[in-house]
Amino acid sequence: MNEALSVAGAEFRWGLIGPGAIAHQFAEVVQRLPGSRLALVHGRDAGRAGAFAARWSVADRPPPRVARELSELLADPDIDAIYIATPHAQHGAAIRACLEAGKPVLCEKPLVPTLAEAEALVALARQRQVFLMEALWTRFLPAYAVAGRWLREQAIGPLRGIQSSFCFPAPYEAESRLFNPALAGGALLDLGVYNLNLTRWVLQQAWGDCPAPTSIDARGLLAPTGVDQRVNAMLTFEGGLSSQFICAFDSAADNALTVFGERGTITLPRWFSQASEAVLQRRGGEPQRVAAPLRINGFEGEIEEAQQCIAAGRLESAVMPHAETLAVLGWMDEIRRQLGVRYPFE
């Protein structure tokens, strides 16, 4: 455990690699949560990193510094953990460098593009006794605590199916992170990771565990660059239960997650990845809507979980353990195989 955290009440100091769009949500939370702060920012473009640090300087905390070299960030004894928000294909190298330097890691989803790479990094984290967690923030949202309780109580009876969508129309740009195979582009890694991860979560809540699917069937459309532009997939489990989903960069959808049961449905409505409401609809009854607002922007749950685990000397989170990351990557490997998507770095 970092010696800086051994003193009760000490602040938690974060380093950040990859000051892009998603990193702003992380920085907002860290700079607003009591007892934490953004201490050091590293990016390939020092000017951009400096602008990011300036944007997230707040009155009640020391201003974030800029590390021009990654080695400077990794060697800083005052950094308690590092958040990684680079493009997908660059996650692995950054994670490995952090683990080898003994720095705990919270890395944006997907942890890495392939199961093989993830297995090697998990093994390294365990060997070095360093915390590693994929930042799948949805599992920590208050709306999912509500829906999870309904599932555990069997409020809709035995499960019959799951449906979800996560789509938005994005302009095609071959070099963008969404469509560039060298950056591990594609709708599955960017969006489908939520559909698949929450499929596992639903079954774990209702069944106590998520078994391996008996079959995975995927169809889709590839972009001119060869990455998946649209994915339609169905995972079938024991008893005939299926999880059907679509994720796409060329479509609009309600972006909801619905669980079907013998006696009703549970829905995380529009934009289920950041749901702030859960809806229980029992057959013949009125819908029960439970508001579950975000305290800041939704990232607070995963950040607090990582901080608590690291302070306690744990190597992984019980809410988002290594096994979940590995299982979902295995499913994604199979879906990409069926679609014919292969990255140049594989």
Protein backbone atom coordinates (compact mmCIF):
# COMPACT_ATOMS: atom_id res chain seq x y z
CA MET A 1 0.00 0.00 0.00
CA ASN A 2 1.26 3.49 -0.78
CA GLU A 3 2.83 4.93 2.37
CA ALA A 4 1.09 8.24 1.67
CA LEU A 5 -2.24 6.55 2.34
CA SER A 6 -1.29 4.96 5.63
CA VAL A 7 -2.21 8.09 7.55
CA ALA A 8 -5.93 8.29 8.24
CA GLY A 9 -7.57 11.19 6.47
CA ALA A 10 -4.71 11.80 4.02
CA GLU A 11 -5.76 13.10 0.62
CA PHE A 12 -5.72 10.79 -2.38
CA ARG A 13 -3.57 12.17 -5.22
CA TRP A 14 -4.27 11.10 -8.78
CA GLY A 15 -2.09 11.16 -11.85
CA LEU A 16 -3.78 11.18 -15.26
CA ILE A 17 -2.57 9.86 -18.62
CA GLY A 18 -4.51 11.01 -21.69
CA PRO A 19 -6.20 14.40 -21.11
CA GLY A 20 -8.93 13.87 -23.72
CA ALA A 21 -12.70 14.32 -23.66
CA ILE A 22 -13.61 11.53 -21.23
CA ALA A 23 -10.88 12.61 -18.82
CA HIS A 24 -12.79 15.83 -18.06
CA GLN A 25 -15.50 13.80 -16.31
CA PHE A 26 -12.86 12.09 -14.20
CA ALA A 27 -11.14 15.37 -13.33
CA GLU A 28 -14.40 17.06 -12.34
CA VAL A 29 -15.15 14.33 -9.82
CA VAL A 30 -11.64 14.09 -8.38
CA GLN A 31 -11.51 17.86 -7.92
CA ARG A 32 -14.88 17.90 -6.16
CA LEU A 33 -14.72 14.80 -3.96
CA PRO A 34 -13.55 15.47 -0.39
CA GLY A 35 -10.11 14.03 0.23
CA SER A 36 -8.97 13.66 -3.37
CA ARG A 37 -7.31 15.80 -5.99
CA LEU A 38 -5.80 15.72 -9.45
CA ALA A 39 -2.07 16.15 -8.90
CA LEU A 40 -0.30 15.43 -12.19
CA VAL A 41 -1.33 15.28 -15.88
CA HIS A 42 0.58 13.66 -18.74
CA GLY A 43 -0.25 13.73 -22.43
CA ARG A 44 1.62 13.41 -25.70
CA ASP A 45 0.92 17.11 -26.36
CA ALA A 46 2.36 19.14 -23.48
CA GLY A 47 0.32 22.19 -24.47
CA ARG A 48 -2.90 20.25 -24.37
CA ALA A 49 -1.94 18.70 -21.03
CA GLY A 50 -1.18 22.17 -19.67
CA ALA A 51 -4.54 23.50 -20.81
CA PHE A 52 -6.26 20.53 -19.18
CA ALA A 53 -4.42 21.10 -15.91
CA ALA A 54 -5.33 24.79 -15.98
CA ARG A 55 -8.98 23.97 -16.65
CA TRP A 56 -9.12 21.78 -13.56
CA SER A 57 -7.28 24.05 -11.16
CA VAL A 58 -9.64 24.81 -8.27
CA ALA A 59 -9.40 27.22 -5.39
CA ASP A 60 -9.27 24.74 -2.51
CA ARG A 61 -6.63 22.38 -3.93
CA PRO A 62 -3.05 22.76 -5.22
CA PRO A 63 -3.09 23.20 -9.02
CA PRO A 64 -2.40 20.06 -11.08
CA ARG A 65 1.12 19.89 -12.45
CA VAL A 66 2.12 18.70 -15.94
CA ALA A 67 4.50 15.79 -16.50
CA ARG A 68 6.19 16.24 -19.87
CA GLU A 69 7.49 12.67 -19.80
CA LEU A 70 5.66 9.55 -18.63
CA SER A 71 8.71 8.60 -16.58
CA GLU A 72 8.23 11.77 -14.53
CA LEU A 73 4.69 10.74 -13.62
CA LEU A 74 5.66 7.17 -12.82
CA ALA A 75 8.57 8.22 -10.59
CA ASP A 76 6.60 10.76 -8.56
CA PRO A 77 6.30 9.42 -4.99
CA ASP A 78 3.31 11.69 -4.28
CA ILE A 79 1.03 9.96 -6.81
CA ASP A 80 -1.26 7.39 -5.20
CA ALA A 81 -2.87 6.04 -8.40
CA ILE A 82 -3.10 6.73 -12.12
CA TYR A 83 -6.16 7.06 -14.32
CA ILE A 84 -5.65 6.14 -18.00
CA ALA A 85 -7.87 7.65 -20.71
CA THR A 86 -5.83 7.26 -23.90
CA PRO A 87 -7.28 5.67 -27.08
CA HIS A 88 -8.01 1.95 -26.61
CA ALA A 89 -4.94 0.64 -28.44
CA GLN A 90 -2.65 2.65 -26.17
CA HIS A 91 -4.11 1.41 -22.88
CA GLY A 92 -1.92 -1.67 -22.63
CA ALA A 93 1.45 0.05 -22.82
CA ALA A 94 0.40 2.67 -20.27
CA ILE A 95 -1.03 0.05 -17.89
CA ARG A 96 2.13 -2.05 -18.11
CA ALA A 97 4.36 0.94 -17.41
CA CYS A 98 2.27 1.89 -14.37
CA LEU A 99 2.20 -1.63 -12.95
CA GLU A 100 5.93 -2.07 -13.41
CA ALA A 101 6.44 1.22 -11.56
CA GLY A 102 4.17 0.01 -8.74
CA LYS A 103 1.43 2.56 -9.46
CA PRO A 104 -2.21 1.43 -8.98
CA VAL A 105 -4.31 1.80 -12.13
CA LEU A 106 -7.88 2.76 -12.99
CA CYS A 107 -8.14 2.46 -16.78
CA GLU A 108 -11.00 3.48 -19.04
CA LYS A 109 -13.04 0.76 -20.68
CA PRO A 110 -12.22 -1.41 -22.48
CA LEU A 111 -9.17 -2.22 -20.40
CA VAL A 112 -7.41 -3.35 -23.60
CA PRO A 113 -8.72 -4.54 -26.99
CA THR A 114 -8.09 -8.29 -26.62
CA LEU A 115 -8.37 -11.03 -24.03
CA ALA A 116 -4.76 -12.16 -24.50
CA GLU A 117 -3.40 -8.71 -23.67
CA ALA A 118 -5.69 -8.39 -20.65
CA GLU A 119 -4.65 -11.78 -19.29
CA ALA A 120 -1.00 -10.75 -19.44
CA LEU A 121 -1.67 -7.48 -17.64
CA VAL A 122 -3.79 -9.09 -14.93
CA ALA A 123 -1.00 -11.60 -14.36
CA LEU A 124 1.49 -8.74 -14.10
CA ALA A 125 -0.72 -6.86 -11.62
CA ARG A 126 -0.96 -9.94 -9.43
CA GLN A 127 2.74 -10.64 -9.72
CA ARG A 128 3.64 -7.06 -8.76
CA GLN A 129 0.84 -6.87 -6.16
CA VAL A 130 -0.56 -3.68 -7.68
CA PHE A 131 -4.23 -2.68 -7.95
CA LEU A 132 -5.79 -2.78 -11.44
CA MET A 133 -9.38 -1.97 -12.38
CA GLU A 134 -11.31 -1.32 -15.58
CA ALA A 135 -13.33 1.90 -15.30
CA LEU A 136 -16.82 0.58 -16.09
CA TRP A 137 -18.65 3.38 -14.29
CA THR A 138 -22.17 2.12 -15.00
CA ARG A 139 -21.92 -0.69 -12.44
CA PHE A 140 -21.56 1.92 -9.70
CA LEU A 141 -24.54 4.15 -10.56
CA PRO A 142 -27.37 4.53 -8.01
CA ALA A 143 -29.99 3.43 -10.59
CA TYR A 144 -28.27 0.06 -10.83
CA ALA A 145 -28.43 -0.37 -7.07
CA VAL A 146 -32.21 -0.01 -7.39
CA ALA A 147 -32.49 -2.36 -10.37
CA GLY A 148 -30.14 -4.86 -8.71
CA ARG A 149 -32.35 -5.05 -5.65
CA TRP A 150 -35.41 -5.75 -7.85
CA LEU A 151 -33.53 -8.50 -9.67
CA ARG A 152 -32.31 -10.14 -6.47
CA GLU A 153 -35.85 -10.00 -5.05
CA GLN A 154 -37.21 -11.53 -8.29
CA ALA A 155 -39.64 -8.63 -8.61
CA ILE A 156 -40.42 -9.67 -12.21
CA GLY A 157 -40.18 -13.40 -11.63
CA PRO A 158 -37.82 -15.73 -13.47
CA LEU A 159 -35.87 -14.00 -16.23
CA ARG A 160 -36.81 -14.54 -19.86
CA GLY A 161 -34.54 -12.19 -21.80
CA ILE A 162 -32.47 -9.01 -22.02
CA GLN A 163 -32.47 -6.37 -24.75
CA SER A 164 -30.30 -3.28 -25.06
CA SER A 165 -29.15 -0.71 -27.59
CA PHE A 166 -26.29 1.74 -27.64
CA CYS A 167 -26.09 3.71 -30.88
CA PHE A 168 -25.35 7.18 -32.15
CA PRO A 169 -24.63 8.47 -35.65
CA ALA A 170 -20.99 9.52 -36.00
CA PRO A 171 -19.46 11.06 -39.13
CA TYR A 172 -17.09 8.68 -40.84
CA GLU A 173 -13.48 9.79 -40.45
CA ALA A 174 -10.97 7.09 -41.25
CA GLU A 175 -8.33 8.45 -38.85
CA SER A 176 -10.62 9.08 -35.90
CA ARG A 177 -10.43 6.84 -32.86
CA LEU A 178 -13.88 5.44 -33.71
CA PHE A 179 -12.89 4.10 -37.13
CA ASN A 180 -9.10 3.73 -37.12
CA PRO A 181 -8.07 0.06 -36.66
CA ALA A 182 -4.63 1.11 -35.39
CA LEU A 183 -6.42 2.84 -32.50
CA ALA A 184 -8.69 -0.19 -31.89
CA GLY A 185 -11.73 1.56 -33.31
CA GLY A 186 -15.14 -0.02 -33.71
CA ALA A 187 -18.57 0.12 -32.11
CA LEU A 188 -18.09 -3.07 -30.11
CA LEU A 189 -15.13 -1.88 -28.05
CA ASP A 190 -16.47 1.65 -27.68
CA LEU A 191 -20.16 0.94 -27.04
CA GLY A 192 -20.85 -2.80 -26.98
CA VAL A 193 -18.65 -3.19 -23.92
CA TYR A 194 -21.57 -1.69 -21.98
CA ASN A 195 -24.20 -4.02 -23.48
CA LEU A 196 -22.06 -7.05 -22.71
CA ASN A 197 -20.92 -5.97 -19.27
CA LEU A 198 -24.45 -5.16 -18.14
CA THR A 199 -25.67 -8.49 -19.53
CA ARG A 200 -23.29 -10.15 -17.10
CA TRP A 201 -24.39 -7.82 -14.31
CA VAL A 202 -28.09 -8.63 -14.81
CA LEU A 203 -27.49 -12.37 -14.65
CA GLN A 204 -25.24 -12.03 -11.62
CA GLN A 205 -27.94 -10.10 -9.77
CA ALA A 206 -30.75 -12.49 -10.71
CA TRP A 207 -28.87 -15.82 -10.76
CA GLY A 208 -25.94 -15.15 -8.44
CA ASP A 209 -23.50 -15.75 -11.28
CA CYS A 210 -23.19 -15.37 -15.04
CA PRO A 211 -22.57 -18.71 -16.75
CA ALA A 212 -20.81 -19.01 -20.08
CA PRO A 213 -23.24 -18.54 -22.96
CA THR A 214 -24.25 -21.65 -24.83
CA SER A 215 -23.93 -19.71 -28.08
CA ILE A 216 -22.93 -16.31 -29.44
CA ASP A 217 -24.31 -15.19 -32.80
CA ALA A 218 -23.16 -11.88 -34.30
CA ARG A 219 -23.91 -9.99 -37.47
CA GLY A 220 -22.92 -6.49 -38.48
CA LEU A 221 -21.57 -3.98 -40.94
CA LEU A 222 -17.92 -3.07 -41.31
CA ALA A 223 -16.68 0.43 -42.02
CA PRO A 224 -14.34 0.99 -45.01
CA THR A 225 -11.40 0.78 -42.56
CA GLY A 226 -12.43 -2.77 -41.58
CA VAL A 227 -13.63 -2.05 -38.04
CA ASP A 228 -17.19 -2.77 -36.94
CA GLN A 229 -19.51 0.13 -37.67
CA ARG A 230 -22.62 -1.73 -36.50
CA VAL A 231 -23.04 -4.91 -34.45
CA ASN A 232 -26.18 -6.97 -33.86
CA ALA A 233 -25.55 -9.87 -31.51
CA MET A 234 -27.38 -12.44 -29.44
CA LEU A 235 -25.94 -14.40 -26.55
CA THR A 236 -27.94 -17.44 -25.46
CA PHE A 237 -27.67 -18.93 -21.97
CA GLU A 238 -28.95 -22.00 -20.19
CA GLY A 239 -32.72 -22.39 -20.26
CA GLY A 240 -32.98 -20.48 -23.53
CA LEU A 241 -32.58 -17.01 -22.04
CA SER A 242 -31.01 -14.64 -24.55
CA SER A 243 -29.43 -11.20 -24.45
CA GLN A 244 -29.90 -9.30 -27.71
CA PHE A 245 -28.19 -6.01 -28.41
CA ILE A 246 -27.23 -3.54 -31.10
CA CYS A 247 -24.37 -1.05 -30.94
CA ALA A 248 -23.55 1.24 -33.83
CA PHE A 249 -21.97 4.44 -35.08
CA ASP A 250 -24.52 4.78 -37.91
CA SER A 251 -27.85 4.55 -36.09
CA ALA A 252 -30.11 6.24 -33.59
CA ALA A 253 -31.77 4.20 -30.83
CA ASP A 254 -33.45 4.58 -27.46
CA ASN A 255 -30.21 3.35 -25.84
CA ALA A 256 -32.14 1.58 -23.11
CA LEU A 257 -31.60 -1.70 -21.27
CA THR A 258 -34.69 -3.83 -20.60
CA VAL A 259 -34.87 -7.06 -18.62
CA PHE A 260 -37.85 -9.28 -19.34
CA GLY A 261 -39.30 -11.57 -16.68
CA GLU A 262 -42.25 -13.88 -16.34
CA ARG A 263 -44.25 -11.20 -14.53
CA GLY A 264 -42.92 -7.90 -15.83
CA THR A 265 -39.93 -5.83 -16.93
CA ILE A 266 -37.15 -3.75 -15.43
CA THR A 267 -35.87 -0.92 -17.59
CA LEU A 268 -32.93 1.42 -17.37
CA PRO A 269 -34.30 3.95 -19.83
CA ARG A 270 -32.64 6.14 -22.42
CA TRP A 271 -28.81 6.14 -22.17
CA PHE A 272 -28.65 3.17 -19.84
CA SER A 273 -24.89 3.60 -19.50
CA GLN A 274 -25.53 6.73 -17.42
CA ALA A 275 -29.02 5.93 -16.12
CA SER A 276 -30.48 8.13 -13.41
CA GLU A 277 -33.81 6.29 -13.22
CA ALA A 278 -34.99 2.69 -12.96
CA VAL A 279 -38.48 1.54 -13.97
CA LEU A 280 -40.29 -1.55 -12.70
CA GLN A 281 -43.35 -2.59 -14.71
CA ARG A 282 -45.28 -5.54 -13.34
CA ARG A 283 -47.92 -7.17 -15.52
CA GLY A 284 -51.26 -5.42 -15.05
CA GLY A 285 -49.85 -2.69 -12.81
CA GLU A 286 -48.68 0.89 -13.11
CA PRO A 287 -44.98 1.48 -13.76
CA GLN A 288 -42.91 2.19 -10.67
CA ARG A 289 -40.32 4.83 -11.48
CA VAL A 290 -37.47 5.43 -9.06
CA ALA A 291 -35.28 8.48 -9.57
CA ALA A 292 -31.62 7.86 -8.77
CA PRO A 293 -29.75 11.08 -9.60
CA LEU A 294 -26.01 11.26 -10.02
CA ARG A 295 -24.16 13.01 -7.18
CA ILE A 296 -21.67 14.69 -9.53
CA ASN A 297 -21.48 13.23 -13.04
CA GLY A 298 -21.55 9.48 -12.45
CA PHE A 299 -17.82 8.81 -12.24
CA GLU A 300 -17.81 9.23 -8.47
CA GLY A 301 -18.75 5.62 -7.71
CA GLU A 302 -15.89 3.99 -9.58
CA ILE A 303 -13.38 6.56 -8.30
CA GLU A 304 -14.42 6.08 -4.68
CA GLU A 305 -14.29 2.31 -5.15
CA ALA A 306 -10.76 2.47 -6.56
CA GLN A 307 -9.58 4.77 -3.77
CA GLN A 308 -11.06 2.55 -1.06
CA CYS A 309 -9.59 -0.61 -2.58
CA ILE A 310 -6.13 0.94 -2.93
CA ALA A 311 -6.19 2.34 0.60
CA ALA A 312 -7.12 -1.12 1.87
CA GLY A 313 -4.30 -2.78 -0.07
CA ARG A 314 -6.58 -4.77 -2.38
CA LEU A 315 -5.48 -5.84 -5.86
CA GLU A 316 -8.94 -5.67 -7.46
CA SER A 317 -12.48 -4.45 -6.90
CA ALA A 318 -15.23 -6.83 -5.83
CA VAL A 319 -17.70 -4.80 -7.91
CA MET A 320 -15.57 -4.73 -11.06
CA PRO A 321 -13.09 -7.60 -10.61
CA HIS A 322 -10.52 -8.82 -13.12
CA ALA A 323 -12.72 -11.79 -13.99
CA GLU A 324 -15.43 -9.49 -15.38
CA THR A 325 -12.98 -7.69 -17.63
CA LEU A 326 -11.58 -10.98 -18.92
CA ALA A 327 -14.99 -12.55 -19.53
CA VAL A 328 -16.31 -9.60 -21.55
CA LEU A 329 -13.12 -9.40 -23.62
CA GLY A 330 -13.47 -13.09 -24.40
CA TRP A 331 -17.01 -12.47 -25.70
CA MET A 332 -15.81 -9.50 -27.74
CA ASP A 333 -12.96 -11.51 -29.24
CA GLU A 334 -15.54 -14.06 -30.45
CA ILE A 335 -17.89 -11.42 -31.85
CA ARG A 336 -15.06 -9.73 -33.73
CA ARG A 337 -13.96 -13.13 -35.05
CA GLN A 338 -17.44 -13.76 -36.43
CA LEU A 339 -17.52 -10.29 -38.01
CA GLY A 340 -14.04 -10.64 -39.50
CA VAL A 341 -12.54 -7.71 -37.58
CA ARG A 342 -8.84 -7.96 -36.79
CA TYR A 343 -6.55 -5.23 -35.56
CA PRO A 344 -3.05 -4.67 -37.04
CA PHE A 345 -1.43 -5.05 -33.63
CA GLU A 346 -2.90 -8.50 -32.90
